[in-house]
Amino acid sequence: MSSNMNIIVTLCPKSGKADRVVELLQGVAAYVKENEPQTLRYEISRQANKKTGDEEVIMVESYKDKAALNTHGSSETFKKFNKTLEDEGLIGAPAQFKFVRAAGGFSRL
């Protein structure tokens, strides 16, 4: 199995703010694609929370190693993204992070 660092992040935008959060993440994703070759996956998805009905933004991220994750987390683009989330009051609850490792199965990606 791969030794990549895999993370699933759930962001909980305030009601009506999911589009703006996705817009900002698309900008981050464009930066990551061009400037972070050790970031192997950076996917943005959406779903409705079954309990609240509010839309959540789900990130599926894979990094070659911990150094690649640190590079991403310390980039000015990522810091600016987080500041914008705060300044615009876009998030209604703390982000949930799940650091996962492959335990079986396969990927055709």
PDB file of N, CA and C in Angstrom:
ATOM      1  N   MET A   1       0.833  -1.180   0.000  1.00  0.00           N
ATOM      2  CA  MET A   1       0.000   0.000   0.000  1.00  0.00           C
ATOM      3  C   MET A   1       0.881   1.249   0.000  1.00  0.00           C
ATOM      4  N   SER A   2       0.316   2.316  -0.454  1.00  0.00           N
ATOM      5  CA  SER A   2       1.006   3.589  -0.559  1.00  0.00           C
ATOM      6  C   SER A   2       1.322   4.176   0.815  1.00  0.00           C
ATOM      7  N   SER A   3       2.407   4.941   0.878  1.00  0.00           N
ATOM      8  CA  SER A   3       2.756   5.631   2.122  1.00  0.00           C
ATOM      9  C   SER A   3       2.388   7.116   2.053  1.00  0.00           C
ATOM     10  N   ASN A   4       1.539   7.467   1.089  1.00  0.00           N
ATOM     11  CA  ASN A   4       1.101   8.855   0.965  1.00  0.00           C
ATOM     12  C   ASN A   4       0.352   9.298   2.212  1.00  0.00           C
ATOM     13  N   MET A   5       0.337  10.603   2.443  1.00  0.00           N
ATOM     14  CA  MET A   5      -0.477  11.197   3.504  1.00  0.00           C
ATOM     15  C   MET A   5      -1.830  11.526   2.882  1.00  0.00           C
ATOM     16  N   ASN A   6      -2.876  10.929   3.399  1.00  0.00           N
ATOM     17  CA  ASN A   6      -4.224  11.139   2.876  1.00  0.00           C
ATOM     18  C   ASN A   6      -5.076  11.818   3.938  1.00  0.00           C
ATOM     19  N   ILE A   7      -5.804  12.839   3.522  1.00  0.00           N
ATOM     20  CA  ILE A   7      -6.608  13.618   4.460  1.00  0.00           C
ATOM     21  C   ILE A   7      -7.992  13.841   3.862  1.00  0.00           C
ATOM     22  N   ILE A   8      -8.997  13.695   4.699  1.00  0.00           N
ATOM     23  CA  ILE A   8     -10.359  14.071   4.335  1.00  0.00           C
ATOM     24  C   ILE A   8     -10.744  15.216   5.267  1.00  0.00           C
ATOM     25  N   VAL A   9     -11.083  16.344   4.681  1.00  0.00           N
ATOM     26  CA  VAL A   9     -11.423  17.539   5.452  1.00  0.00           C
ATOM     27  C   VAL A   9     -12.881  17.895   5.172  1.00  0.00           C
ATOM     28  N   THR A  10     -13.639  18.101   6.226  1.00  0.00           N
ATOM     29  CA  THR A  10     -15.026  18.539   6.088  1.00  0.00           C
ATOM     30  C   THR A  10     -15.124  19.974   6.586  1.00  0.00           C
ATOM     31  N   LEU A  11     -15.508  20.859   5.679  1.00  0.00           N
ATOM     32  CA  LEU A  11     -15.741  22.261   6.019  1.00  0.00           C
ATOM     33  C   LEU A  11     -17.244  22.477   6.131  1.00  0.00           C
ATOM     34  N   CYS A  12     -17.656  23.250   7.105  1.00  0.00           N
ATOM     35  CA  CYS A  12     -19.082  23.509   7.365  1.00  0.00           C
ATOM     36  C   CYS A  12     -19.378  24.987   7.162  1.00  0.00           C
ATOM     37  N   PRO A  13     -19.625  25.389   5.910  1.00  0.00           N
ATOM     38  CA  PRO A  13     -19.938  26.797   5.666  1.00  0.00           C
ATOM     39  C   PRO A  13     -21.242  27.206   6.335  1.00  0.00           C
ATOM     40  N   LYS A  14     -21.330  28.474   6.662  1.00  0.00           N
ATOM     41  CA  LYS A  14     -22.603  29.021   7.139  1.00  0.00           C
ATOM     42  C   LYS A  14     -23.623  28.891   6.009  1.00  0.00           C
ATOM     43  N   SER A  15     -24.882  28.880   6.378  1.00  0.00           N
ATOM     44  CA  SER A  15     -25.960  28.731   5.403  1.00  0.00           C
ATOM     45  C   SER A  15     -25.816  29.757   4.279  1.00  0.00           C
ATOM     46  N   GLY A  16     -25.862  29.275   3.047  1.00  0.00           N
ATOM     47  CA  GLY A  16     -25.756  30.146   1.885  1.00  0.00           C
ATOM     48  C   GLY A  16     -24.345  30.534   1.499  1.00  0.00           C
ATOM     49  N   LYS A  17     -23.343  30.034   2.205  1.00  0.00           N
ATOM     50  CA  LYS A  17     -21.954  30.435   1.951  1.00  0.00           C
ATOM     51  C   LYS A  17     -21.125  29.352   1.249  1.00  0.00           C
ATOM     52  N   ALA A  18     -21.717  28.193   0.956  1.00  0.00           N
ATOM     53  CA  ALA A  18     -20.950  27.096   0.351  1.00  0.00           C
ATOM     54  C   ALA A  18     -20.381  27.480  -1.009  1.00  0.00           C
ATOM     55  N   ASP A  19     -21.143  28.210  -1.822  1.00  0.00           N
ATOM     56  CA  ASP A  19     -20.643  28.603  -3.139  1.00  0.00           C
ATOM     57  C   ASP A  19     -19.375  29.439  -3.011  1.00  0.00           C
ATOM     58  N   ARG A  20     -19.360  30.352  -2.069  1.00  0.00           N
ATOM     59  CA  ARG A  20     -18.177  31.212  -1.874  1.00  0.00           C
ATOM     60  C   ARG A  20     -16.990  30.383  -1.399  1.00  0.00           C
ATOM     61  N   VAL A  21     -17.225  29.444  -0.494  1.00  0.00           N
ATOM     62  CA  VAL A  21     -16.137  28.589  -0.011  1.00  0.00           C
ATOM     63  C   VAL A  21     -15.567  27.775  -1.169  1.00  0.00           C
ATOM     64  N   VAL A  22     -16.436  27.207  -2.001  1.00  0.00           N
ATOM     65  CA  VAL A  22     -15.969  26.432  -3.156  1.00  0.00           C
ATOM     66  C   VAL A  22     -15.202  27.328  -4.123  1.00  0.00           C
ATOM     67  N   GLU A  23     -15.691  28.527  -4.349  1.00  0.00           N
ATOM     68  CA  GLU A  23     -14.991  29.475  -5.221  1.00  0.00           C
ATOM     69  C   GLU A  23     -13.564  29.721  -4.718  1.00  0.00           C
ATOM     70  N   LEU A  24     -13.428  29.968  -3.433  1.00  0.00           N
ATOM     71  CA  LEU A  24     -12.098  30.196  -2.860  1.00  0.00           C
ATOM     72  C   LEU A  24     -11.226  28.953  -2.986  1.00  0.00           C
ATOM     73  N   LEU A  25     -11.801  27.792  -2.729  1.00  0.00           N
ATOM     74  CA  LEU A  25     -11.033  26.545  -2.830  1.00  0.00           C
ATOM     75  C   LEU A  25     -10.589  26.267  -4.260  1.00  0.00           C
ATOM     76  N   GLN A  26     -11.396  26.647  -5.238  1.00  0.00           N
ATOM     77  CA  GLN A  26     -10.992  26.461  -6.627  1.00  0.00           C
ATOM     78  C   GLN A  26      -9.739  27.275  -6.940  1.00  0.00           C
ATOM     79  N   GLY A  27      -9.645  28.458  -6.362  1.00  0.00           N
ATOM     80  CA  GLY A  27      -8.431  29.256  -6.516  1.00  0.00           C
ATOM     81  C   GLY A  27      -7.235  28.597  -5.861  1.00  0.00           C
ATOM     82  N   VAL A  28      -7.440  28.048  -4.668  1.00  0.00           N
ATOM     83  CA  VAL A  28      -6.357  27.327  -3.989  1.00  0.00           C
ATOM     84  C   VAL A  28      -5.954  26.121  -4.821  1.00  0.00           C
ATOM     85  N   ALA A  29      -6.931  25.384  -5.342  1.00  0.00           N
ATOM     86  CA  ALA A  29      -6.636  24.187  -6.135  1.00  0.00           C
ATOM     87  C   ALA A  29      -5.810  24.528  -7.372  1.00  0.00           C
ATOM     88  N   ALA A  30      -6.127  25.638  -8.028  1.00  0.00           N
ATOM     89  CA  ALA A  30      -5.354  26.054  -9.199  1.00  0.00           C
ATOM     90  C   ALA A  30      -3.907  26.334  -8.808  1.00  0.00           C
ATOM     91  N   TYR A  31      -3.721  27.013  -7.680  1.00  0.00           N
ATOM     92  CA  TYR A  31      -2.369  27.280  -7.191  1.00  0.00           C
ATOM     93  C   TYR A  31      -1.640  25.975  -6.884  1.00  0.00           C
ATOM     94  N   VAL A  32      -2.312  25.074  -6.176  1.00  0.00           N
ATOM     95  CA  VAL A  32      -1.704  23.801  -5.780  1.00  0.00           C
ATOM     96  C   VAL A  32      -1.281  23.015  -7.015  1.00  0.00           C
ATOM     97  N   LYS A  33      -2.146  22.966  -8.013  1.00  0.00           N
ATOM     98  CA  LYS A  33      -1.835  22.204  -9.237  1.00  0.00           C
ATOM     99  C   LYS A  33      -0.575  22.726  -9.910  1.00  0.00           C
ATOM    100  N   GLU A  34      -0.409  24.023  -9.929  1.00  0.00           N
ATOM    101  CA  GLU A  34       0.739  24.635 -10.610  1.00  0.00           C
ATOM    102  C   GLU A  34       2.011  24.671  -9.773  1.00  0.00           C
ATOM    103  N   ASN A  35       1.891  24.694  -8.454  1.00  0.00           N
ATOM    104  CA  ASN A  35       3.051  24.986  -7.612  1.00  0.00           C
ATOM    105  C   ASN A  35       3.423  23.924  -6.585  1.00  0.00           C
ATOM    106  N   GLU A  36       2.592  22.917  -6.403  1.00  0.00           N
ATOM    107  CA  GLU A  36       2.868  21.899  -5.391  1.00  0.00           C
ATOM    108  C   GLU A  36       2.847  20.503  -6.026  1.00  0.00           C
ATOM    109  N   PRO A  37       3.913  20.147  -6.746  1.00  0.00           N
ATOM    110  CA  PRO A  37       3.918  18.853  -7.446  1.00  0.00           C
ATOM    111  C   PRO A  37       3.839  17.645  -6.517  1.00  0.00           C
ATOM    112  N   GLN A  38       4.151  17.822  -5.254  1.00  0.00           N
ATOM    113  CA  GLN A  38       4.079  16.707  -4.313  1.00  0.00           C
ATOM    114  C   GLN A  38       2.685  16.557  -3.696  1.00  0.00           C
ATOM    115  N   THR A  39       1.780  17.477  -4.049  1.00  0.00           N
ATOM    116  CA  THR A  39       0.371  17.302  -3.698  1.00  0.00           C
ATOM    117  C   THR A  39      -0.226  16.471  -4.822  1.00  0.00           C
ATOM    118  N   LEU A  40      -0.619  15.253  -4.504  1.00  0.00           N
ATOM    119  CA  LEU A  40      -1.033  14.285  -5.505  1.00  0.00           C
ATOM    120  C   LEU A  40      -2.528  14.345  -5.823  1.00  0.00           C
ATOM    121  N   ARG A  41      -3.317  14.788  -4.873  1.00  0.00           N
ATOM    122  CA  ARG A  41      -4.765  14.896  -5.064  1.00  0.00           C
ATOM    123  C   ARG A  41      -5.255  16.067  -4.224  1.00  0.00           C
ATOM    124  N   TYR A  42      -6.154  16.852  -4.821  1.00  0.00           N
ATOM    125  CA  TYR A  42      -6.750  17.986  -4.124  1.00  0.00           C
ATOM    126  C   TYR A  42      -8.138  18.181  -4.721  1.00  0.00           C
ATOM    127  N   GLU A  43      -9.092  17.404  -4.245  1.00  0.00           N
ATOM    128  CA  GLU A  43     -10.424  17.369  -4.829  1.00  0.00           C
ATOM    129  C   GLU A  43     -11.447  18.042  -3.916  1.00  0.00           C
ATOM    130  N   ILE A  44     -12.341  18.784  -4.534  1.00  0.00           N
ATOM    131  CA  ILE A  44     -13.393  19.510  -3.822  1.00  0.00           C
ATOM    132  C   ILE A  44     -14.731  18.844  -4.148  1.00  0.00           C
ATOM    133  N   SER A  45     -15.480  18.492  -3.112  1.00  0.00           N
ATOM    134  CA  SER A  45     -16.815  17.907  -3.290  1.00  0.00           C
ATOM    135  C   SER A  45     -17.786  18.602  -2.346  1.00  0.00           C
ATOM    136  N   ARG A  46     -19.070  18.368  -2.594  1.00  0.00           N
ATOM    137  CA  ARG A  46     -20.114  18.960  -1.756  1.00  0.00           C
ATOM    138  C   ARG A  46     -21.132  17.888  -1.389  1.00  0.00           C
ATOM    139  N   GLN A  47     -21.757  18.077  -0.228  1.00  0.00           N
ATOM    140  CA  GLN A  47     -22.861  17.202   0.170  1.00  0.00           C
ATOM    141  C   GLN A  47     -23.730  17.935   1.179  1.00  0.00           C
ATOM    142  N   ALA A  48     -24.972  17.492   1.288  1.00  0.00           N
ATOM    143  CA  ALA A  48     -25.871  18.039   2.306  1.00  0.00           C
ATOM    144  C   ALA A  48     -25.705  17.229   3.581  1.00  0.00           C
ATOM    145  N   ASN A  49     -25.558  17.912   4.698  1.00  0.00           N
ATOM    146  CA  ASN A  49     -25.500  17.245   5.995  1.00  0.00           C
ATOM    147  C   ASN A  49     -26.881  16.671   6.288  1.00  0.00           C
ATOM    148  N   LYS A  50     -26.937  15.364   6.549  1.00  0.00           N
ATOM    149  CA  LYS A  50     -28.228  14.694   6.755  1.00  0.00           C
ATOM    150  C   LYS A  50     -28.960  15.205   7.993  1.00  0.00           C
ATOM    151  N   LYS A  51     -28.226  15.634   8.998  1.00  0.00           N
ATOM    152  CA  LYS A  51     -28.857  16.098  10.240  1.00  0.00           C
ATOM    153  C   LYS A  51     -29.371  17.529  10.125  1.00  0.00           C
ATOM    154  N   THR A  52     -28.549  18.401   9.546  1.00  0.00           N
ATOM    155  CA  THR A  52     -28.893  19.826   9.529  1.00  0.00           C
ATOM    156  C   THR A  52     -29.457  20.310   8.200  1.00  0.00           C
ATOM    157  N   GLY A  53     -29.168  19.581   7.119  1.00  0.00           N
ATOM    158  CA  GLY A  53     -29.574  20.024   5.792  1.00  0.00           C
ATOM    159  C   GLY A  53     -28.626  21.034   5.191  1.00  0.00           C
ATOM    160  N   ASP A  54     -27.677  21.530   5.992  1.00  0.00           N
ATOM    161  CA  ASP A  54     -26.704  22.495   5.486  1.00  0.00           C
ATOM    162  C   ASP A  54     -25.706  21.799   4.569  1.00  0.00           C
ATOM    163  N   GLU A  55     -25.211  22.550   3.608  1.00  0.00           N
ATOM    164  CA  GLU A  55     -24.240  21.990   2.682  1.00  0.00           C
ATOM    165  C   GLU A  55     -22.852  21.996   3.311  1.00  0.00           C
ATOM    166  N   GLU A  56     -22.140  20.895   3.132  1.00  0.00           N
ATOM    167  CA  GLU A  56     -20.757  20.766   3.588  1.00  0.00           C
ATOM    168  C   GLU A  56     -19.849  20.706   2.366  1.00  0.00           C
ATOM    169  N   VAL A  57     -18.625  21.135   2.544  1.00  0.00           N
ATOM    170  CA  VAL A  57     -17.612  21.037   1.502  1.00  0.00           C
ATOM    171  C   VAL A  57     -16.592  20.017   1.983  1.00  0.00           C
ATOM    172  N   ILE A  58     -16.380  18.994   1.171  1.00  0.00           N
ATOM    173  CA  ILE A  58     -15.495  17.894   1.531  1.00  0.00           C
ATOM    174  C   ILE A  58     -14.259  17.953   0.646  1.00  0.00           C
ATOM    175  N   MET A  59     -13.108  17.968   1.282  1.00  0.00           N
ATOM    176  CA  MET A  59     -11.834  17.937   0.560  1.00  0.00           C
ATOM    177  C   MET A  59     -11.209  16.556   0.720  1.00  0.00           C
ATOM    178  N   VAL A  60     -10.756  15.993  -0.400  1.00  0.00           N
ATOM    179  CA  VAL A  60      -9.984  14.757  -0.369  1.00  0.00           C
ATOM    180  C   VAL A  60      -8.600  15.129  -0.884  1.00  0.00           C
ATOM    181  N   GLU A  61      -7.619  14.975  -0.017  1.00  0.00           N
ATOM    182  CA  GLU A  61      -6.266  15.426  -0.321  1.00  0.00           C
ATOM    183  C   GLU A  61      -5.275  14.285  -0.119  1.00  0.00           C
ATOM    184  N   SER A  62      -4.284  14.211  -1.004  1.00  0.00           N
ATOM    185  CA  SER A  62      -3.191  13.247  -0.850  1.00  0.00           C
ATOM    186  C   SER A  62      -1.875  13.968  -1.103  1.00  0.00           C
ATOM    187  N   TYR A  63      -0.925  13.689  -0.237  1.00  0.00           N
ATOM    188  CA  TYR A  63       0.398  14.297  -0.316  1.00  0.00           C
ATOM    189  C   TYR A  63       1.438  13.193  -0.367  1.00  0.00           C
ATOM    190  N   LYS A  64       2.515  13.447  -1.102  1.00  0.00           N
ATOM    191  CA  LYS A  64       3.562  12.435  -1.234  1.00  0.00           C
ATOM    192  C   LYS A  64       4.108  12.034   0.126  1.00  0.00           C
ATOM    193  N   ASP A  65       4.256  13.016   1.010  1.00  0.00           N
ATOM    194  CA  ASP A  65       4.817  12.754   2.333  1.00  0.00           C
ATOM    195  C   ASP A  65       4.479  13.929   3.251  1.00  0.00           C
ATOM    196  N   LYS A  66       4.954  13.855   4.471  1.00  0.00           N
ATOM    197  CA  LYS A  66       4.656  14.912   5.445  1.00  0.00           C
ATOM    198  C   LYS A  66       5.242  16.255   5.019  1.00  0.00           C
ATOM    199  N   ALA A  67       6.399  16.234   4.386  1.00  0.00           N
ATOM    200  CA  ALA A  67       7.006  17.483   3.919  1.00  0.00           C
ATOM    201  C   ALA A  67       6.098  18.185   2.909  1.00  0.00           C
ATOM    202  N   ALA A  68       5.474  17.412   2.032  1.00  0.00           N
ATOM    203  CA  ALA A  68       4.556  17.993   1.046  1.00  0.00           C
ATOM    204  C   ALA A  68       3.339  18.604   1.733  1.00  0.00           C
ATOM    205  N   LEU A  69       2.837  17.931   2.750  1.00  0.00           N
ATOM    206  CA  LEU A  69       1.712  18.471   3.525  1.00  0.00           C
ATOM    207  C   LEU A  69       2.119  19.769   4.214  1.00  0.00           C
ATOM    208  N   ASN A  70       3.305  19.792   4.787  1.00  0.00           N
ATOM    209  CA  ASN A  70       3.794  21.004   5.451  1.00  0.00           C
ATOM    210  C   ASN A  70       3.966  22.150   4.460  1.00  0.00           C
ATOM    211  N   THR A  71       4.463  21.840   3.256  1.00  0.00           N
ATOM    212  CA  THR A  71       4.611  22.854   2.219  1.00  0.00           C
ATOM    213  C   THR A  71       3.257  23.470   1.892  1.00  0.00           C
ATOM    214  N   HIS A  72       2.260  22.619   1.745  1.00  0.00           N
ATOM    215  CA  HIS A  72       0.913  23.108   1.436  1.00  0.00           C
ATOM    216  C   HIS A  72       0.379  23.991   2.565  1.00  0.00           C
ATOM    217  N   GLY A  73       0.457  23.500   3.774  1.00  0.00           N
ATOM    218  CA  GLY A  73      -0.097  24.220   4.915  1.00  0.00           C
ATOM    219  C   GLY A  73       0.586  25.539   5.213  1.00  0.00           C
ATOM    220  N   SER A  74       1.834  25.674   4.787  1.00  0.00           N
ATOM    221  CA  SER A  74       2.575  26.902   5.074  1.00  0.00           C
ATOM    222  C   SER A  74       2.608  27.875   3.892  1.00  0.00           C
ATOM    223  N   SER A  75       1.953  27.518   2.783  1.00  0.00           N
ATOM    224  CA  SER A  75       1.979  28.401   1.612  1.00  0.00           C
ATOM    225  C   SER A  75       1.186  29.678   1.892  1.00  0.00           C
ATOM    226  N   GLU A  76       1.611  30.760   1.289  1.00  0.00           N
ATOM    227  CA  GLU A  76       0.906  32.033   1.449  1.00  0.00           C
ATOM    228  C   GLU A  76      -0.514  31.945   0.894  1.00  0.00           C
ATOM    229  N   THR A  77      -0.691  31.173  -0.168  1.00  0.00           N
ATOM    230  CA  THR A  77      -2.022  31.012  -0.752  1.00  0.00           C
ATOM    231  C   THR A  77      -2.971  30.350   0.234  1.00  0.00           C
ATOM    232  N   PHE A  78      -2.512  29.306   0.917  1.00  0.00           N
ATOM    233  CA  PHE A  78      -3.354  28.612   1.888  1.00  0.00           C
ATOM    234  C   PHE A  78      -3.635  29.509   3.094  1.00  0.00           C
ATOM    235  N   LYS A  79      -2.631  30.244   3.533  1.00  0.00           N
ATOM    236  CA  LYS A  79      -2.833  31.169   4.653  1.00  0.00           C
ATOM    237  C   LYS A  79      -3.848  32.252   4.287  1.00  0.00           C
ATOM    238  N   LYS A  80      -3.761  32.762   3.062  1.00  0.00           N
ATOM    239  CA  LYS A  80      -4.706  33.784   2.604  1.00  0.00           C
ATOM    240  C   LYS A  80      -6.124  33.204   2.541  1.00  0.00           C
ATOM    241  N   PHE A  81      -6.252  31.961   2.081  1.00  0.00           N
ATOM    242  CA  PHE A  81      -7.555  31.291   2.048  1.00  0.00           C
ATOM    243  C   PHE A  81      -8.170  31.248   3.444  1.00  0.00           C
ATOM    244  N   ASN A  82      -7.404  30.800   4.414  1.00  0.00           N
ATOM    245  CA  ASN A  82      -7.910  30.712   5.787  1.00  0.00           C
ATOM    246  C   ASN A  82      -8.289  32.083   6.346  1.00  0.00           C
ATOM    247  N   LYS A  83      -7.490  33.091   6.030  1.00  0.00           N
ATOM    248  CA  LYS A  83      -7.793  34.446   6.493  1.00  0.00           C
ATOM    249  C   LYS A  83      -9.094  34.947   5.868  1.00  0.00           C
ATOM    250  N   THR A  84      -9.291  34.663   4.592  1.00  0.00           N
ATOM    251  CA  THR A  84     -10.520  35.080   3.917  1.00  0.00           C
ATOM    252  C   THR A  84     -11.737  34.389   4.523  1.00  0.00           C
ATOM    253  N   LEU A  85     -11.610  33.086   4.826  1.00  0.00           N
ATOM    254  CA  LEU A  85     -12.714  32.382   5.490  1.00  0.00           C
ATOM    255  C   LEU A  85     -13.108  33.106   6.771  1.00  0.00           C
ATOM    256  N   GLU A  86     -12.101  33.513   7.529  1.00  0.00           N
ATOM    257  CA  GLU A  86     -12.348  34.196   8.804  1.00  0.00           C
ATOM    258  C   GLU A  86     -12.904  35.603   8.583  1.00  0.00           C
ATOM    259  N   ASP A  87     -12.229  36.370   7.722  1.00  0.00           N
ATOM    260  CA  ASP A  87     -12.629  37.762   7.497  1.00  0.00           C
ATOM    261  C   ASP A  87     -14.057  37.880   6.967  1.00  0.00           C
ATOM    262  N   GLU A  88     -14.461  36.950   6.103  1.00  0.00           N
ATOM    263  CA  GLU A  88     -15.796  36.998   5.507  1.00  0.00           C
ATOM    264  C   GLU A  88     -16.832  36.223   6.329  1.00  0.00           C
ATOM    265  N   GLY A  89     -16.385  35.605   7.424  1.00  0.00           N
ATOM    266  CA  GLY A  89     -17.310  34.869   8.282  1.00  0.00           C
ATOM    267  C   GLY A  89     -18.025  33.741   7.562  1.00  0.00           C
ATOM    268  N   LEU A  90     -17.283  32.952   6.802  1.00  0.00           N
ATOM    269  CA  LEU A  90     -17.891  31.939   5.944  1.00  0.00           C
ATOM    270  C   LEU A  90     -18.153  30.598   6.622  1.00  0.00           C
ATOM    271  N   ILE A  91     -17.446  30.318   7.699  1.00  0.00           N
ATOM    272  CA  ILE A  91     -17.502  28.989   8.306  1.00  0.00           C
ATOM    273  C   ILE A  91     -18.336  29.019   9.583  1.00  0.00           C
ATOM    274  N   GLY A  92     -19.230  28.029   9.711  1.00  0.00           N
ATOM    275  CA  GLY A  92     -20.121  27.983  10.860  1.00  0.00           C
ATOM    276  C   GLY A  92     -19.678  27.062  11.972  1.00  0.00           C
ATOM    277  N   ALA A  93     -18.737  26.168  11.684  1.00  0.00           N
ATOM    278  CA  ALA A  93     -18.253  25.209  12.685  1.00  0.00           C
ATOM    279  C   ALA A  93     -16.812  24.850  12.341  1.00  0.00           C
ATOM    280  N   PRO A  94     -16.036  24.411  13.328  1.00  0.00           N
ATOM    281  CA  PRO A  94     -14.642  24.043  13.051  1.00  0.00           C
ATOM    282  C   PRO A  94     -14.544  22.937  11.996  1.00  0.00           C
ATOM    283  N   ALA A  95     -13.503  23.013  11.195  1.00  0.00           N
ATOM    284  CA  ALA A  95     -13.248  21.974  10.192  1.00  0.00           C
ATOM    285  C   ALA A  95     -12.954  20.649  10.894  1.00  0.00           C
ATOM    286  N   GLN A  96     -13.343  19.572  10.245  1.00  0.00           N
ATOM    287  CA  GLN A  96     -13.050  18.231  10.745  1.00  0.00           C
ATOM    288  C   GLN A  96     -11.987  17.619   9.842  1.00  0.00           C
ATOM    289  N   PHE A  97     -10.919  17.124  10.441  1.00  0.00           N
ATOM    290  CA  PHE A  97      -9.815  16.521   9.698  1.00  0.00           C
ATOM    291  C   PHE A  97      -9.734  15.039  10.032  1.00  0.00           C
ATOM    292  N   LYS A  98      -9.647  14.215   8.996  1.00  0.00           N
ATOM    293  CA  LYS A  98      -9.413  12.785   9.182  1.00  0.00           C
ATOM    294  C   LYS A  98      -8.164  12.423   8.392  1.00  0.00           C
ATOM    295  N   PHE A  99      -7.127  12.030   9.112  1.00  0.00           N
ATOM    296  CA  PHE A  99      -5.899  11.567   8.489  1.00  0.00           C
ATOM    297  C   PHE A  99      -6.043  10.058   8.349  1.00  0.00           C
ATOM    298  N   VAL A 100      -6.088   9.581   7.109  1.00  0.00           N
ATOM    299  CA  VAL A 100      -6.369   8.172   6.860  1.00  0.00           C
ATOM    300  C   VAL A 100      -5.222   7.535   6.082  1.00  0.00           C
ATOM    301  N   ARG A 101      -5.111   6.224   6.237  1.00  0.00           N
ATOM    302  CA  ARG A 101      -4.121   5.491   5.445  1.00  0.00           C
ATOM    303  C   ARG A 101      -4.816   4.322   4.783  1.00  0.00           C
ATOM    304  N   ALA A 102      -4.341   3.982   3.629  1.00  0.00           N
ATOM    305  CA  ALA A 102      -4.940   2.887   2.877  1.00  0.00           C
ATOM    306  C   ALA A 102      -4.807   1.590   3.662  1.00  0.00           C
ATOM    307  N   ALA A 103      -5.885   0.824   3.683  1.00  0.00           N
ATOM    308  CA  ALA A 103      -5.892  -0.459   4.380  1.00  0.00           C
ATOM    309  C   ALA A 103      -6.242  -1.597   3.429  1.00  0.00           C
ATOM    310  N   GLY A 104      -6.509  -1.279   2.189  1.00  0.00           N
ATOM    311  CA  GLY A 104      -6.859  -2.299   1.211  1.00  0.00           C
ATOM    312  C   GLY A 104      -7.574  -1.661   0.041  1.00  0.00           C
ATOM    313  N   GLY A 105      -7.982  -2.483  -0.880  1.00  0.00           N
ATOM    314  CA  GLY A 105      -8.679  -1.994  -2.059  1.00  0.00           C
ATOM    315  C   GLY A 105      -7.715  -1.501  -3.122  1.00  0.00           C
ATOM    316  N   PHE A 106      -8.220  -0.669  -4.020  1.00  0.00           N
ATOM    317  CA  PHE A 106      -7.388  -0.178  -5.112  1.00  0.00           C
ATOM    318  C   PHE A 106      -7.914   1.157  -5.598  1.00  0.00           C
ATOM    319  N   SER A 107      -7.120   1.825  -6.414  1.00  0.00           N
ATOM    320  CA  SER A 107      -7.527   3.055  -7.075  1.00  0.00           C
ATOM    321  C   SER A 107      -7.074   2.981  -8.519  1.00  0.00           C
ATOM    322  N   ARG A 108      -7.914   3.393  -9.413  1.00  0.00           N
ATOM    323  CA  ARG A 108      -7.536   3.456 -10.828  1.00  0.00           C
ATOM    324  C   ARG A 108      -7.168   4.884 -11.232  1.00  0.00           C
ATOM    325  N   LEU A 109      -7.049   5.759 -10.268  1.00  0.00           N
ATOM    326  CA  LEU A 109      -6.685   7.149 -10.566  1.00  0.00           C
ATOM    327  C   LEU A 109      -5.241   7.244 -10.941  1.00  0.00           C
TER     328      LEU A 109
END
